[in-house]
Structures are given as structure tokens and as C-alpha cells.
Amino acid sequence: MILGYVFADKLRTTAGVVATCVFCLVAFSGLLPAKDVLAVMSNANITLIVSMFVVAAGFNRTQAVHKMSNLVYRISGGNFKTALAGYILLTFALTQFVPSPMAAFAIIAPMATPAIPVVMEHGGYDGKDLLKMGWLPSIIIAVTSVLIVMTVFPAY
């Protein structure tokens, strides 16, 4: 599977084709019973997230991503914090229509990606600045999440 992803470009295929081939290989090789493999495919969450990635790819190909990114950039005036707040508000608005926050993020992430270098260049930021801004919140969120999960869902 890993080799399939690594050499997908040389094989002129996509990650989706590799994943489908691995899925079929697991079923036909007997590593998992076919019943279990097909049961995973009927999970509504997986279907929703996969379809949202398809929608995000469609937004990206139709240039809707670039138009929305440019709109957020123009409204923010090149300020990184304002642009970030714009994407947070856009994600919040999208979650009102899409039931899964992860699916909404799958749609918003490609929109934020092309705007980040533009805003960073305009504001004089670089990758080290993003690391400096992000390491502490990342640690706090990770520790808090672990503590909440251990408290709310104790293993006994």
C-alpha cells in the first residue's frame, strides 16, 4: 500500500485507485472476511467524508477555491490574523449546512492553502513564524483533548 502511494505518479494513477486496489486485495486475499470489508464500506461517516473530498476537489478544479481565497484575502487586506479569522468564520458558516465538521474542513482546507503563501509574503511571515505561533496551542489542545477523553471516557 505504501509503495503504491509512493509510486502513484510513476504508475500514472491516483491515491484513490491505490486505496481501492488495496481494499480489494485485502478482501480477496482473505486477510479480512469479505463481510467485514464490505461492512466498513457501508459506514455513513466514511462515505460522507470521502464525498466531501470529492466536492473539495471539484471546488478546486472549477477555480471556486481561488475566487473564495482571493475574496478572503481582499477583505483581510493582507493581514494574516484577519485572513485566519475569515477562514474560521467560513468554516463555521459551512458547518451549518454540512453535518460533519471534518467534512467542512475538507472543503475549507484547499481554500486556505493557496492564500497562506500570499498572506505570508505580504505580511513578512515565514514558516518559522508559523511554527512559533502554533507550537504552544498545538500542545495545549493535544494535552487538553487527552485529559478530556480520559475523564469523559474512562477505560474500566
N, C-alpha and C. Protein backbone atom coordinates (compact mmCIF):
# COMPACT_ATOMS: atom_id res chain seq x y z
N MET A 1 0.82 -1.17 0.00
CA MET A 1 0.00 0.00 0.00
C MET A 1 0.88 1.25 0.00
N ILE A 2 1.87 1.29 0.88
CA ILE A 2 2.73 2.46 0.97
C ILE A 2 3.49 2.64 -0.34
N LEU A 3 3.97 1.56 -0.92
CA LEU A 3 4.67 1.66 -2.20
C LEU A 3 3.75 2.16 -3.30
N GLY A 4 2.49 1.78 -3.23
CA GLY A 4 1.53 2.27 -4.21
C GLY A 4 1.36 3.77 -4.13
N TYR A 5 1.31 4.32 -2.92
CA TYR A 5 1.20 5.77 -2.76
C TYR A 5 2.48 6.47 -3.19
N VAL A 6 3.62 5.87 -2.87
CA VAL A 6 4.90 6.49 -3.20
C VAL A 6 5.09 6.54 -4.72
N PHE A 7 4.76 5.45 -5.39
CA PHE A 7 4.99 5.37 -6.83
C PHE A 7 3.74 5.64 -7.65
N ALA A 8 2.73 6.27 -7.06
CA ALA A 8 1.48 6.54 -7.78
C ALA A 8 1.71 7.41 -9.00
N ASP A 9 2.57 8.41 -8.89
CA ASP A 9 2.84 9.29 -10.04
C ASP A 9 3.52 8.54 -11.16
N LYS A 10 4.48 7.68 -10.82
CA LYS A 10 5.19 6.92 -11.85
C LYS A 10 4.28 5.89 -12.49
N LEU A 11 3.30 5.39 -11.74
CA LEU A 11 2.36 4.42 -12.28
C LEU A 11 1.20 5.11 -13.01
N ARG A 12 1.20 6.45 -12.99
CA ARG A 12 0.15 7.27 -13.60
C ARG A 12 -1.22 6.91 -13.07
N THR A 13 -1.31 6.88 -11.77
CA THR A 13 -2.58 6.60 -11.10
C THR A 13 -2.75 7.58 -9.95
N THR A 14 -3.87 7.49 -9.28
CA THR A 14 -4.15 8.40 -8.16
C THR A 14 -4.18 7.61 -6.86
N ALA A 15 -4.20 8.35 -5.75
CA ALA A 15 -4.26 7.71 -4.44
C ALA A 15 -5.58 6.96 -4.26
N GLY A 16 -6.64 7.45 -4.86
CA GLY A 16 -7.94 6.77 -4.77
C GLY A 16 -7.91 5.40 -5.42
N VAL A 17 -7.25 5.29 -6.56
CA VAL A 17 -7.13 4.00 -7.24
C VAL A 17 -6.29 3.04 -6.41
N VAL A 18 -5.21 3.55 -5.83
CA VAL A 18 -4.36 2.72 -4.97
C VAL A 18 -5.16 2.22 -3.77
N ALA A 19 -5.93 3.12 -3.14
CA ALA A 19 -6.72 2.72 -1.97
C ALA A 19 -7.77 1.68 -2.34
N THR A 20 -8.40 1.84 -3.50
CA THR A 20 -9.40 0.86 -3.94
C THR A 20 -8.75 -0.49 -4.22
N CYS A 21 -7.58 -0.48 -4.82
CA CYS A 21 -6.86 -1.74 -5.09
C CYS A 21 -6.47 -2.44 -3.79
N VAL A 22 -6.01 -1.67 -2.82
CA VAL A 22 -5.66 -2.25 -1.52
C VAL A 22 -6.90 -2.82 -0.85
N PHE A 23 -8.00 -2.10 -0.94
CA PHE A 23 -9.26 -2.56 -0.37
C PHE A 23 -9.66 -3.91 -0.98
N CYS A 24 -9.59 -4.01 -2.29
CA CYS A 24 -9.93 -5.27 -2.96
C CYS A 24 -8.92 -6.37 -2.62
N LEU A 25 -7.64 -6.03 -2.54
CA LEU A 25 -6.61 -7.00 -2.21
C LEU A 25 -6.83 -7.59 -0.81
N VAL A 26 -7.21 -6.75 0.14
CA VAL A 26 -7.48 -7.23 1.50
C VAL A 26 -8.67 -8.19 1.49
N ALA A 27 -9.69 -7.86 0.70
CA ALA A 27 -10.88 -8.72 0.65
C ALA A 27 -10.57 -10.05 -0.04
N PHE A 28 -9.88 -10.00 -1.18
CA PHE A 28 -9.64 -11.22 -1.95
C PHE A 28 -8.54 -12.10 -1.38
N SER A 29 -7.61 -11.52 -0.63
CA SER A 29 -6.54 -12.32 -0.06
C SER A 29 -6.96 -13.07 1.20
N GLY A 30 -8.08 -12.68 1.77
CA GLY A 30 -8.56 -13.35 2.97
C GLY A 30 -8.00 -12.79 4.26
N LEU A 31 -7.30 -11.66 4.20
CA LEU A 31 -6.80 -11.04 5.43
C LEU A 31 -7.96 -10.68 6.35
N LEU A 32 -9.03 -10.21 5.77
CA LEU A 32 -10.27 -9.95 6.49
C LEU A 32 -11.40 -10.63 5.74
N PRO A 33 -12.39 -11.11 6.45
CA PRO A 33 -13.54 -11.69 5.74
C PRO A 33 -14.23 -10.62 4.89
N ALA A 34 -14.76 -11.04 3.74
CA ALA A 34 -15.42 -10.11 2.83
C ALA A 34 -16.56 -9.37 3.52
N LYS A 35 -17.22 -10.05 4.45
CA LYS A 35 -18.33 -9.43 5.18
C LYS A 35 -17.84 -8.21 5.97
N ASP A 36 -16.69 -8.33 6.64
CA ASP A 36 -16.14 -7.21 7.41
C ASP A 36 -15.67 -6.08 6.51
N VAL A 37 -15.05 -6.43 5.39
CA VAL A 37 -14.57 -5.41 4.46
C VAL A 37 -15.75 -4.62 3.91
N LEU A 38 -16.81 -5.29 3.53
CA LEU A 38 -17.98 -4.60 2.98
C LEU A 38 -18.72 -3.82 4.07
N ALA A 39 -18.66 -4.28 5.31
CA ALA A 39 -19.31 -3.55 6.40
C ALA A 39 -18.66 -2.19 6.61
N VAL A 40 -17.36 -2.12 6.41
CA VAL A 40 -16.66 -0.84 6.54
C VAL A 40 -17.11 0.13 5.46
N MET A 41 -17.37 -0.38 4.26
CA MET A 41 -17.80 0.48 3.16
C MET A 41 -19.17 1.09 3.40
N SER A 42 -19.99 0.45 4.22
CA SER A 42 -21.34 0.97 4.44
C SER A 42 -21.40 1.97 5.58
N ASN A 43 -20.27 2.33 6.17
CA ASN A 43 -20.23 3.32 7.23
C ASN A 43 -20.56 4.69 6.65
N ALA A 44 -21.60 5.33 7.17
CA ALA A 44 -22.07 6.61 6.63
C ALA A 44 -21.03 7.72 6.81
N ASN A 45 -20.27 7.68 7.89
CA ASN A 45 -19.25 8.72 8.11
C ASN A 45 -18.16 8.66 7.05
N ILE A 46 -17.71 7.47 6.73
CA ILE A 46 -16.67 7.33 5.72
C ILE A 46 -17.18 7.80 4.37
N THR A 47 -18.39 7.41 4.04
CA THR A 47 -18.99 7.84 2.77
C THR A 47 -19.12 9.35 2.71
N LEU A 48 -19.53 9.99 3.81
CA LEU A 48 -19.68 11.44 3.85
C LEU A 48 -18.34 12.14 3.68
N ILE A 49 -17.33 11.68 4.39
CA ILE A 49 -16.01 12.33 4.32
C ILE A 49 -15.41 12.15 2.92
N VAL A 50 -15.52 10.96 2.36
CA VAL A 50 -14.99 10.73 1.01
C VAL A 50 -15.72 11.62 0.00
N SER A 51 -17.03 11.73 0.12
CA SER A 51 -17.77 12.57 -0.83
C SER A 51 -17.42 14.05 -0.65
N MET A 52 -17.10 14.47 0.58
CA MET A 52 -16.70 15.87 0.78
C MET A 52 -15.33 16.15 0.15
N PHE A 53 -14.44 15.16 0.16
CA PHE A 53 -13.16 15.34 -0.53
C PHE A 53 -13.39 15.47 -2.03
N VAL A 54 -14.38 14.75 -2.56
CA VAL A 54 -14.72 14.88 -3.98
C VAL A 54 -15.25 16.28 -4.26
N VAL A 55 -16.11 16.79 -3.37
CA VAL A 55 -16.64 18.14 -3.53
C VAL A 55 -15.50 19.17 -3.46
N ALA A 56 -14.58 18.97 -2.52
CA ALA A 56 -13.44 19.89 -2.39
C ALA A 56 -12.58 19.87 -3.66
N ALA A 57 -12.37 18.69 -4.22
CA ALA A 57 -11.61 18.60 -5.47
C ALA A 57 -12.35 19.31 -6.60
N GLY A 58 -13.66 19.19 -6.62
CA GLY A 58 -14.46 19.90 -7.63
C GLY A 58 -14.35 21.40 -7.47
N PHE A 59 -14.41 21.88 -6.23
CA PHE A 59 -14.23 23.32 -5.99
C PHE A 59 -12.87 23.78 -6.48
N ASN A 60 -11.86 22.95 -6.25
CA ASN A 60 -10.51 23.31 -6.64
C ASN A 60 -10.37 23.37 -8.17
N ARG A 61 -10.97 22.44 -8.86
CA ARG A 61 -10.86 22.41 -10.33
C ARG A 61 -11.67 23.51 -11.00
N THR A 62 -12.75 23.94 -10.39
CA THR A 62 -13.59 24.98 -11.00
C THR A 62 -13.13 26.38 -10.64
N GLN A 63 -12.01 26.51 -9.97
CA GLN A 63 -11.45 27.79 -9.55
C GLN A 63 -12.28 28.48 -8.48
N ALA A 64 -13.30 27.81 -7.92
CA ALA A 64 -14.07 28.41 -6.83
C ALA A 64 -13.18 28.61 -5.61
N VAL A 65 -12.23 27.72 -5.42
CA VAL A 65 -11.30 27.83 -4.30
C VAL A 65 -10.48 29.11 -4.41
N HIS A 66 -9.96 29.37 -5.59
CA HIS A 66 -9.12 30.56 -5.77
C HIS A 66 -9.94 31.84 -5.65
N LYS A 67 -11.17 31.82 -6.15
CA LYS A 67 -12.02 33.00 -6.05
C LYS A 67 -12.37 33.31 -4.60
N MET A 68 -12.70 32.26 -3.82
CA MET A 68 -13.01 32.48 -2.40
C MET A 68 -11.77 32.89 -1.63
N SER A 69 -10.62 32.30 -1.97
CA SER A 69 -9.37 32.69 -1.31
C SER A 69 -9.03 34.14 -1.59
N ASN A 70 -9.19 34.56 -2.84
CA ASN A 70 -8.94 35.96 -3.18
C ASN A 70 -9.90 36.90 -2.48
N LEU A 71 -11.16 36.46 -2.32
CA LEU A 71 -12.14 37.29 -1.61
C LEU A 71 -11.73 37.46 -0.15
N VAL A 72 -11.34 36.37 0.51
CA VAL A 72 -10.91 36.46 1.90
C VAL A 72 -9.65 37.33 2.01
N TYR A 73 -8.75 37.18 1.04
CA TYR A 73 -7.51 37.98 1.05
C TYR A 73 -7.82 39.47 0.89
N ARG A 74 -8.73 39.79 -0.04
CA ARG A 74 -9.07 41.21 -0.24
C ARG A 74 -9.77 41.80 0.98
N ILE A 75 -10.66 41.03 1.59
CA ILE A 75 -11.37 41.52 2.78
C ILE A 75 -10.39 41.71 3.94
N SER A 76 -9.43 40.79 4.07
CA SER A 76 -8.47 40.88 5.19
C SER A 76 -7.42 41.95 4.98
N GLY A 77 -7.26 42.42 3.77
CA GLY A 77 -6.26 43.44 3.49
C GLY A 77 -4.84 42.93 3.64
N GLY A 78 -4.63 41.63 3.52
CA GLY A 78 -3.29 41.07 3.64
C GLY A 78 -2.86 40.75 5.06
N ASN A 79 -3.72 40.99 6.03
CA ASN A 79 -3.39 40.71 7.43
C ASN A 79 -3.62 39.22 7.69
N PHE A 80 -2.58 38.53 8.18
CA PHE A 80 -2.65 37.09 8.38
C PHE A 80 -3.73 36.72 9.41
N LYS A 81 -3.78 37.44 10.50
CA LYS A 81 -4.75 37.11 11.56
C LYS A 81 -6.18 37.33 11.08
N THR A 82 -6.40 38.37 10.32
CA THR A 82 -7.74 38.62 9.80
C THR A 82 -8.13 37.56 8.78
N ALA A 83 -7.18 37.15 7.94
CA ALA A 83 -7.45 36.09 6.97
C ALA A 83 -7.77 34.78 7.68
N LEU A 84 -7.02 34.47 8.74
CA LEU A 84 -7.28 33.26 9.50
C LEU A 84 -8.67 33.31 10.13
N ALA A 85 -9.04 34.47 10.68
CA ALA A 85 -10.38 34.64 11.25
C ALA A 85 -11.44 34.46 10.16
N GLY A 86 -11.15 34.94 8.95
CA GLY A 86 -12.09 34.77 7.84
C GLY A 86 -12.32 33.31 7.51
N TYR A 87 -11.25 32.53 7.49
CA TYR A 87 -11.40 31.10 7.21
C TYR A 87 -12.12 30.38 8.34
N ILE A 88 -11.90 30.81 9.57
CA ILE A 88 -12.63 30.21 10.69
C ILE A 88 -14.11 30.51 10.57
N LEU A 89 -14.46 31.74 10.24
CA LEU A 89 -15.87 32.11 10.05
C LEU A 89 -16.47 31.37 8.86
N LEU A 90 -15.71 31.22 7.78
CA LEU A 90 -16.19 30.49 6.62
C LEU A 90 -16.45 29.03 6.97
N THR A 91 -15.55 28.43 7.75
CA THR A 91 -15.75 27.05 8.19
C THR A 91 -16.98 26.94 9.08
N PHE A 92 -17.16 27.91 9.99
CA PHE A 92 -18.34 27.91 10.86
C PHE A 92 -19.61 28.00 10.04
N ALA A 93 -19.63 28.88 9.04
CA ALA A 93 -20.82 29.03 8.20
C ALA A 93 -21.10 27.75 7.42
N LEU A 94 -20.03 27.10 6.95
CA LEU A 94 -20.21 25.88 6.18
C LEU A 94 -20.72 24.73 7.04
N THR A 95 -20.32 24.68 8.31
CA THR A 95 -20.80 23.59 9.17
C THR A 95 -22.28 23.70 9.48
N GLN A 96 -22.89 24.83 9.18
CA GLN A 96 -24.33 24.95 9.36
C GLN A 96 -25.08 24.16 8.29
N PHE A 97 -24.42 23.91 7.16
CA PHE A 97 -25.05 23.19 6.05
C PHE A 97 -24.52 21.78 5.88
N VAL A 98 -23.28 21.56 6.28
CA VAL A 98 -22.66 20.23 6.18
C VAL A 98 -22.60 19.67 7.59
N PRO A 99 -23.17 18.48 7.83
CA PRO A 99 -23.30 17.99 9.21
C PRO A 99 -22.00 17.58 9.89
N SER A 100 -20.93 17.40 9.16
CA SER A 100 -19.69 16.94 9.77
C SER A 100 -18.64 18.05 9.76
N PRO A 101 -18.09 18.40 10.93
CA PRO A 101 -17.02 19.40 10.93
C PRO A 101 -15.80 18.97 10.12
N MET A 102 -15.49 17.68 10.11
CA MET A 102 -14.35 17.19 9.34
C MET A 102 -14.60 17.38 7.85
N ALA A 103 -15.83 17.14 7.42
CA ALA A 103 -16.15 17.33 6.01
C ALA A 103 -16.08 18.80 5.63
N ALA A 104 -16.54 19.68 6.52
CA ALA A 104 -16.43 21.12 6.25
C ALA A 104 -14.98 21.54 6.16
N PHE A 105 -14.14 20.98 7.03
CA PHE A 105 -12.71 21.28 6.97
C PHE A 105 -12.10 20.79 5.66
N ALA A 106 -12.58 19.63 5.18
CA ALA A 106 -12.07 19.10 3.92
C ALA A 106 -12.38 20.04 2.76
N ILE A 107 -13.46 20.79 2.87
CA ILE A 107 -13.80 21.75 1.82
C ILE A 107 -12.99 23.04 2.00
N ILE A 108 -12.81 23.48 3.24
CA ILE A 108 -12.15 24.77 3.50
C ILE A 108 -10.63 24.67 3.35
N ALA A 109 -10.02 23.55 3.70
CA ALA A 109 -8.55 23.45 3.68
C ALA A 109 -7.94 23.79 2.33
N PRO A 110 -8.49 23.30 1.21
CA PRO A 110 -7.88 23.71 -0.07
C PRO A 110 -8.03 25.20 -0.36
N MET A 111 -9.04 25.84 0.24
CA MET A 111 -9.21 27.28 0.03
C MET A 111 -8.14 28.06 0.77
N ALA A 112 -7.77 27.60 1.94
CA ALA A 112 -6.78 28.33 2.74
C ALA A 112 -5.37 28.10 2.22
N THR A 113 -5.11 26.96 1.64
CA THR A 113 -3.76 26.61 1.23
C THR A 113 -3.14 27.60 0.23
N PRO A 114 -3.82 28.00 -0.86
CA PRO A 114 -3.16 28.93 -1.77
C PRO A 114 -3.01 30.33 -1.20
N ALA A 115 -3.83 30.70 -0.25
CA ALA A 115 -3.77 32.06 0.29
C ALA A 115 -2.67 32.23 1.32
N ILE A 116 -2.25 31.16 1.97
CA ILE A 116 -1.26 31.28 3.04
C ILE A 116 0.06 31.86 2.53
N PRO A 117 0.66 31.36 1.43
CA PRO A 117 1.91 31.99 0.98
C PRO A 117 1.75 33.46 0.57
N VAL A 118 0.61 33.79 -0.02
CA VAL A 118 0.39 35.18 -0.44
C VAL A 118 0.33 36.09 0.78
N VAL A 119 -0.43 35.68 1.79
CA VAL A 119 -0.56 36.49 3.00
C VAL A 119 0.77 36.53 3.76
N MET A 120 1.48 35.40 3.79
CA MET A 120 2.76 35.36 4.49
C MET A 120 3.77 36.30 3.83
N GLU A 121 3.81 36.30 2.50
CA GLU A 121 4.74 37.16 1.79
C GLU A 121 4.39 38.63 2.01
N HIS A 122 3.10 38.94 1.94
CA HIS A 122 2.66 40.33 2.11
C HIS A 122 2.91 40.81 3.53
N GLY A 123 2.73 39.95 4.51
CA GLY A 123 2.91 40.35 5.91
C GLY A 123 4.32 40.15 6.43
N GLY A 124 5.20 39.58 5.62
CA GLY A 124 6.57 39.37 6.05
C GLY A 124 6.74 38.16 6.95
N TYR A 125 5.80 37.20 6.89
CA TYR A 125 5.89 36.00 7.71
C TYR A 125 6.67 34.93 6.95
N ASP A 126 7.17 33.94 7.68
CA ASP A 126 7.73 32.75 7.06
C ASP A 126 7.32 31.53 7.87
N GLY A 127 7.79 30.36 7.46
CA GLY A 127 7.39 29.13 8.13
C GLY A 127 7.79 29.08 9.60
N LYS A 128 8.92 29.69 9.92
CA LYS A 128 9.36 29.71 11.32
C LYS A 128 8.40 30.50 12.20
N ASP A 129 7.85 31.59 11.64
CA ASP A 129 6.87 32.37 12.40
C ASP A 129 5.62 31.54 12.68
N LEU A 130 5.18 30.76 11.68
CA LEU A 130 4.01 29.91 11.88
C LEU A 130 4.29 28.85 12.94
N LEU A 131 5.50 28.31 12.94
CA LEU A 131 5.88 27.33 13.95
C LEU A 131 5.88 27.96 15.34
N LYS A 132 6.43 29.18 15.43
CA LYS A 132 6.45 29.87 16.72
C LYS A 132 5.04 30.14 17.23
N MET A 133 4.12 30.49 16.31
CA MET A 133 2.74 30.77 16.72
C MET A 133 1.96 29.50 17.04
N GLY A 134 2.32 28.39 16.40
CA GLY A 134 1.49 27.21 16.51
C GLY A 134 1.90 26.14 17.49
N TRP A 135 3.14 26.14 17.98
CA TRP A 135 3.57 25.02 18.82
C TRP A 135 2.85 25.00 20.16
N LEU A 136 2.69 26.15 20.80
CA LEU A 136 2.05 26.18 22.11
C LEU A 136 0.56 25.81 22.04
N PRO A 137 -0.23 26.42 21.11
CA PRO A 137 -1.63 25.99 21.02
C PRO A 137 -1.77 24.51 20.67
N SER A 138 -0.86 23.98 19.83
CA SER A 138 -0.94 22.56 19.47
C SER A 138 -0.75 21.67 20.69
N ILE A 139 0.23 22.00 21.53
CA ILE A 139 0.48 21.21 22.74
C ILE A 139 -0.69 21.33 23.70
N ILE A 140 -1.20 22.54 23.89
CA ILE A 140 -2.33 22.75 24.81
C ILE A 140 -3.55 21.97 24.34
N ILE A 141 -3.85 22.03 23.04
CA ILE A 141 -5.02 21.33 22.51
C ILE A 141 -4.83 19.81 22.64
N ALA A 142 -3.64 19.30 22.36
CA ALA A 142 -3.39 17.86 22.46
C ALA A 142 -3.54 17.38 23.91
N VAL A 143 -2.92 18.09 24.86
CA VAL A 143 -3.00 17.68 26.26
C VAL A 143 -4.43 17.79 26.78
N THR A 144 -5.10 18.87 26.44
CA THR A 144 -6.49 19.06 26.88
C THR A 144 -7.38 17.97 26.31
N SER A 145 -7.20 17.64 25.04
CA SER A 145 -8.02 16.59 24.42
C SER A 145 -7.80 15.25 25.10
N VAL A 146 -6.54 14.92 25.38
CA VAL A 146 -6.26 13.65 26.05
C VAL A 146 -6.90 13.62 27.44
N LEU A 147 -6.77 14.71 28.18
CA LEU A 147 -7.36 14.76 29.53
C LEU A 147 -8.88 14.67 29.49
N ILE A 148 -9.51 15.34 28.54
CA ILE A 148 -10.97 15.27 28.42
C ILE A 148 -11.41 13.87 28.06
N VAL A 149 -10.72 13.26 27.10
CA VAL A 149 -11.12 11.90 26.69
C VAL A 149 -10.91 10.93 27.85
N MET A 150 -9.81 11.08 28.60
CA MET A 150 -9.57 10.18 29.72
C MET A 150 -10.61 10.38 30.82
N THR A 151 -11.11 11.60 30.99
CA THR A 151 -12.08 11.88 32.04
C THR A 151 -13.49 11.48 31.63
N VAL A 152 -13.86 11.82 30.41
CA VAL A 152 -15.23 11.55 29.94
C VAL A 152 -15.42 10.09 29.59
N PHE A 153 -14.40 9.48 29.00
CA PHE A 153 -14.48 8.08 28.58
C PHE A 153 -13.43 7.24 29.31
N PRO A 154 -13.58 7.04 30.60
CA PRO A 154 -12.57 6.26 31.32
C PRO A 154 -12.56 4.80 30.87
N ALA A 155 -11.39 4.21 30.83
CA ALA A 155 -11.25 2.81 30.41
C ALA A 155 -11.36 1.89 31.62
N TYR A 156 -12.56 1.44 31.93
CA TYR A 156 -12.75 0.48 33.02
C TYR A 156 -13.75 -0.55 32.65
